[in-house]
Amino acid sequence: MIRIRFSPQWFYGYDAAIDIISVIVITLIAYYAYKIYTYSGRKTDKWFAYSFVAMALAFLSKVLMNVIIYYPKVNEVVFEAVNLTLEYTGESRAAYVLGFALYRFLMLFGLYGIYYIVTKSQNRFDILITMGLSSIIILFSSSQYFVFHVASALISAGIVYNYLWHYRSKKSKERLYVGYAFAAVFFSQLVFILTIFHDYFYVTGQTIQLIGFLFLSYSFYSIVVKK
């Protein structure tokens, strides 16, 4: 069973709004990354765009699940449809499971895709193996919430380290800003882990994560303008 964390009741709707903004911002990042690819022709820039598309789809699936959670009429319609097709499984909450599993898988896929690019890994099967293991953990672990955010934090930390390491040898304001943006994403994942102690950490994590994506969008936009 996949464990789902909810935001505080007073934050209902606001977190969905933040996720919608995140979808828009990440989609813009994907667009900017693809624009950079049209100028440079580098495959790495194209895969950057694809990675952010995966993350945008991740947040979109989360938004859809939030709609189901917060609006009873939509909730009722979806679950009636789900029960018609999955009555033999006994999973009356299959919509929740599918939506959040998809969110976690696509989010990890996007983050690891970026990590794969910045580390310039030569083995393309690494990402398949890693995502396969991540999928097994997400689906069958009894602590999916904790494992997902720990994995996201570790991957984000690897991205930050590589960006700042390369910044030492080749000074670039844009590279530094992207490193800072992913640092915000890294810290947001650590804060999300603390949600097991209090729901208010969820609000803080959402805010920090959005700031990171906004900063990242500005960084990619600056690169596009310079191009």
Protein backbone atom coordinates (compact mmCIF):
# COMPACT_ATOMS: atom_id res chain seq x y z
CA MET A 1 0.00 0.00 0.00
CA ILE A 2 1.32 3.45 -0.92
CA ARG A 3 1.28 5.90 1.96
CA ILE A 4 0.05 9.38 1.08
CA ARG A 5 0.85 12.53 3.04
CA PHE A 6 -1.75 15.28 3.19
CA SER A 7 -1.18 18.97 3.84
CA PRO A 8 -2.71 20.72 6.90
CA GLN A 9 -6.43 21.34 6.46
CA TRP A 10 -6.00 25.13 6.41
CA PHE A 11 -3.55 24.70 3.50
CA TYR A 12 -6.05 22.77 1.34
CA GLY A 13 -6.23 24.36 -2.07
CA TYR A 14 -3.12 26.47 -1.55
CA ASP A 15 -0.84 23.47 -2.05
CA ALA A 16 -2.77 22.60 -5.21
CA ALA A 17 -2.24 26.19 -6.41
CA ILE A 18 1.50 25.90 -5.69
CA ASP A 19 1.62 22.63 -7.64
CA ILE A 20 -0.18 24.28 -10.57
CA ILE A 21 2.38 27.11 -10.52
CA SER A 22 5.11 24.47 -10.38
CA VAL A 23 3.67 22.77 -13.48
CA ILE A 24 3.71 26.09 -15.35
CA VAL A 25 7.22 27.01 -14.18
CA ILE A 26 8.73 23.60 -14.93
CA THR A 27 7.05 23.57 -18.35
CA LEU A 28 8.69 26.95 -19.03
CA ILE A 29 12.04 25.50 -17.95
CA ALA A 30 11.55 22.61 -20.38
CA TYR A 31 10.72 25.14 -23.11
CA TYR A 32 13.82 27.22 -22.35
CA ALA A 33 15.97 24.09 -22.28
CA TYR A 34 14.63 23.07 -25.68
CA LYS A 35 15.26 26.57 -27.03
CA ILE A 36 18.87 26.25 -25.89
CA TYR A 37 19.02 22.92 -27.74
CA THR A 38 17.79 24.58 -30.96
CA TYR A 39 20.73 27.00 -30.69
CA SER A 40 23.41 24.56 -29.54
CA GLY A 41 22.31 21.30 -31.16
CA ARG A 42 23.68 19.43 -28.14
CA LYS A 43 21.84 16.27 -27.16
CA THR A 44 22.43 17.05 -23.50
CA ASP A 45 20.26 20.16 -23.79
CA LYS A 46 17.53 18.11 -25.45
CA TRP A 47 17.59 15.57 -22.62
CA PHE A 48 17.50 18.42 -20.12
CA ALA A 49 14.20 19.44 -21.73
CA TYR A 50 12.86 15.88 -21.60
CA SER A 51 13.81 15.56 -17.93
CA PHE A 52 11.88 18.70 -17.05
CA VAL A 53 8.90 17.52 -19.11
CA ALA A 54 8.86 14.38 -16.92
CA MET A 55 8.88 16.56 -13.80
CA ALA A 56 6.08 18.76 -15.17
CA LEU A 57 3.99 15.64 -15.81
CA ALA A 58 4.79 14.48 -12.28
CA PHE A 59 3.32 17.64 -10.78
CA LEU A 60 0.37 17.50 -13.17
CA SER A 61 -0.54 14.04 -11.87
CA LYS A 62 -0.24 15.37 -8.32
CA VAL A 63 -2.54 18.27 -9.16
CA LEU A 64 -5.16 15.85 -10.50
CA MET A 65 -4.97 13.81 -7.30
CA ASN A 66 -5.34 16.98 -5.24
CA VAL A 67 -8.51 17.80 -7.17
CA ILE A 68 -9.87 14.34 -6.33
CA ILE A 69 -8.93 14.73 -2.66
CA TYR A 70 -10.32 18.23 -2.12
CA TYR A 71 -13.52 18.14 -4.18
CA PRO A 72 -16.03 15.47 -3.04
CA LYS A 73 -18.07 15.42 -6.27
CA VAL A 74 -14.99 14.74 -8.37
CA ASN A 75 -13.86 12.23 -5.76
CA GLU A 76 -17.15 10.37 -5.95
CA VAL A 77 -17.21 10.22 -9.75
CA VAL A 78 -13.61 9.03 -10.04
CA PHE A 79 -13.97 6.33 -7.42
CA GLU A 80 -17.20 5.04 -8.96
CA ALA A 81 -15.37 4.72 -12.29
CA VAL A 82 -12.39 3.06 -10.62
CA ASN A 83 -14.58 0.59 -8.75
CA LEU A 84 -16.27 -0.45 -11.98
CA THR A 85 -12.96 -1.51 -13.48
CA LEU A 86 -11.10 -2.65 -10.37
CA GLU A 87 -13.82 -4.26 -8.28
CA TYR A 88 -11.98 -7.58 -8.29
CA THR A 89 -8.88 -6.05 -6.69
CA GLY A 90 -10.63 -4.53 -3.71
CA GLU A 91 -8.68 -1.28 -4.23
CA SER A 92 -11.38 1.37 -3.77
CA ARG A 93 -8.67 4.04 -3.55
CA ALA A 94 -6.79 2.99 -6.66
CA ALA A 95 -6.93 6.54 -8.06
CA TYR A 96 -4.83 7.81 -5.17
CA VAL A 97 -2.31 5.00 -5.54
CA LEU A 98 -1.92 5.49 -9.29
CA GLY A 99 -1.63 9.26 -9.15
CA PHE A 100 0.94 9.49 -6.40
CA ALA A 101 2.96 6.53 -7.68
CA LEU A 102 3.10 8.25 -11.08
CA TYR A 103 4.14 11.52 -9.43
CA ARG A 104 6.99 9.90 -7.53
CA PHE A 105 8.21 7.85 -10.48
CA LEU A 106 8.24 10.78 -12.93
CA MET A 107 9.83 13.10 -10.39
CA LEU A 108 12.68 10.65 -9.75
CA PHE A 109 13.00 10.03 -13.49
CA GLY A 110 13.36 13.77 -14.15
CA LEU A 111 15.84 14.34 -11.35
CA TYR A 112 17.96 11.35 -12.24
CA GLY A 113 17.88 12.35 -15.92
CA ILE A 114 19.40 15.71 -14.96
CA TYR A 115 21.95 14.00 -12.69
CA TYR A 116 22.88 11.64 -15.52
CA ILE A 117 23.51 14.62 -17.82
CA VAL A 118 25.54 16.78 -15.44
CA THR A 119 27.74 13.84 -14.38
CA LYS A 120 28.31 12.94 -18.05
CA SER A 121 27.82 9.25 -17.34
CA GLN A 122 28.87 6.98 -20.22
CA ASN A 123 26.63 4.06 -19.30
CA ARG A 124 23.07 4.68 -20.50
CA PHE A 125 21.78 1.59 -18.71
CA ASP A 126 22.51 3.23 -15.34
CA ILE A 127 19.37 5.33 -15.51
CA LEU A 128 17.22 2.30 -16.42
CA ILE A 129 18.60 0.23 -13.57
CA THR A 130 18.23 3.08 -11.10
CA MET A 131 14.67 3.86 -12.13
CA GLY A 132 13.76 0.18 -12.03
CA LEU A 133 15.01 -0.11 -8.46
CA SER A 134 13.30 3.16 -7.52
CA SER A 135 10.00 1.88 -8.93
CA ILE A 136 10.24 -1.30 -6.87
CA ILE A 137 10.94 0.72 -3.72
CA ILE A 138 8.10 3.16 -4.41
CA LEU A 139 5.57 0.40 -5.05
CA PHE A 140 6.51 -2.16 -2.44
CA SER A 141 8.33 -0.42 0.40
CA SER A 142 6.41 0.14 3.64
CA SER A 143 8.01 3.63 3.94
CA GLN A 144 7.48 4.99 0.44
CA TYR A 145 7.11 8.62 1.53
CA PHE A 146 10.40 8.61 3.44
CA VAL A 147 12.28 6.64 0.78
CA PHE A 148 11.04 8.86 -2.06
CA HIS A 149 12.15 12.12 -0.45
CA VAL A 150 15.47 10.67 0.71
CA ALA A 151 16.15 9.49 -2.86
CA SER A 152 15.11 12.89 -4.27
CA ALA A 153 17.38 14.66 -1.77
CA LEU A 154 20.37 12.45 -2.62
CA ILE A 155 19.95 12.94 -6.37
CA SER A 156 19.49 16.70 -5.93
CA ALA A 157 22.61 16.82 -3.74
CA GLY A 158 24.56 15.07 -6.50
CA ILE A 159 23.32 17.64 -9.05
CA VAL A 160 24.29 20.54 -6.77
CA TYR A 161 27.74 19.08 -6.11
CA ASN A 162 28.48 18.64 -9.80
CA TYR A 163 27.28 22.11 -10.75
CA LEU A 164 29.32 23.80 -8.03
CA TRP A 165 32.35 21.59 -8.74
CA HIS A 166 32.35 22.52 -12.42
CA TYR A 167 31.80 26.16 -11.44
CA ARG A 168 35.22 26.10 -9.75
CA SER A 169 36.98 25.28 -13.02
CA LYS A 170 34.75 27.36 -15.30
CA LYS A 171 33.24 30.44 -13.73
CA SER A 172 29.69 30.96 -14.95
CA LYS A 173 26.99 32.97 -13.21
CA GLU A 174 24.27 30.88 -14.86
CA ARG A 175 25.89 27.63 -13.71
CA LEU A 176 26.13 29.00 -10.17
CA TYR A 177 22.46 30.06 -10.19
CA VAL A 178 21.35 26.64 -11.42
CA GLY A 179 23.39 25.09 -8.61
CA TYR A 180 21.66 27.33 -6.07
CA ALA A 181 18.25 26.46 -7.54
CA PHE A 182 18.84 22.73 -7.13
CA ALA A 183 20.18 23.42 -3.64
CA ALA A 184 16.72 24.81 -2.82
CA VAL A 185 15.14 21.65 -4.27
CA PHE A 186 17.53 19.58 -2.13
CA PHE A 187 16.61 21.41 1.08
CA SER A 188 12.90 21.16 0.25
CA GLN A 189 13.19 17.36 0.13
CA LEU A 190 14.84 17.32 3.54
CA VAL A 191 12.03 19.49 4.92
CA PHE A 192 9.41 17.18 3.38
CA ILE A 193 10.95 14.30 5.33
CA LEU A 194 10.24 16.23 8.56
CA THR A 195 6.52 16.14 7.73
CA ILE A 196 6.44 12.89 9.71
CA PHE A 197 6.82 15.12 12.80
CA HIS A 198 4.47 17.96 11.87
CA ASP A 199 2.33 18.89 8.85
CA TYR A 200 3.65 22.46 8.85
CA PHE A 201 6.91 21.15 7.41
CA TYR A 202 4.91 20.22 4.32
CA VAL A 203 4.00 23.89 3.82
CA THR A 204 7.62 24.95 4.25
CA GLY A 205 8.84 22.26 1.85
CA GLN A 206 6.30 23.28 -0.79
CA THR A 207 7.41 26.92 -0.52
CA ILE A 208 11.15 26.19 -0.71
CA GLN A 209 10.66 23.82 -3.65
CA LEU A 210 8.66 26.45 -5.57
CA ILE A 211 11.36 29.07 -4.91
CA GLY A 212 13.94 26.66 -6.30
CA PHE A 213 11.92 26.09 -9.49
CA LEU A 214 11.31 29.83 -9.93
CA PHE A 215 15.03 30.50 -9.57
CA LEU A 216 15.77 27.71 -12.03
CA SER A 217 13.29 29.16 -14.53
CA TYR A 218 14.97 32.56 -14.28
CA SER A 219 18.40 30.96 -14.79
CA PHE A 220 17.35 29.15 -17.96
CA TYR A 221 15.52 32.25 -19.21
CA SER A 222 18.73 34.27 -18.77
CA ILE A 223 20.64 31.74 -20.85
CA VAL A 224 18.00 31.87 -23.61
CA VAL A 225 18.11 35.69 -23.69
CA LYS A 226 21.90 35.64 -24.00
CA LYS A 227 21.64 33.15 -26.86
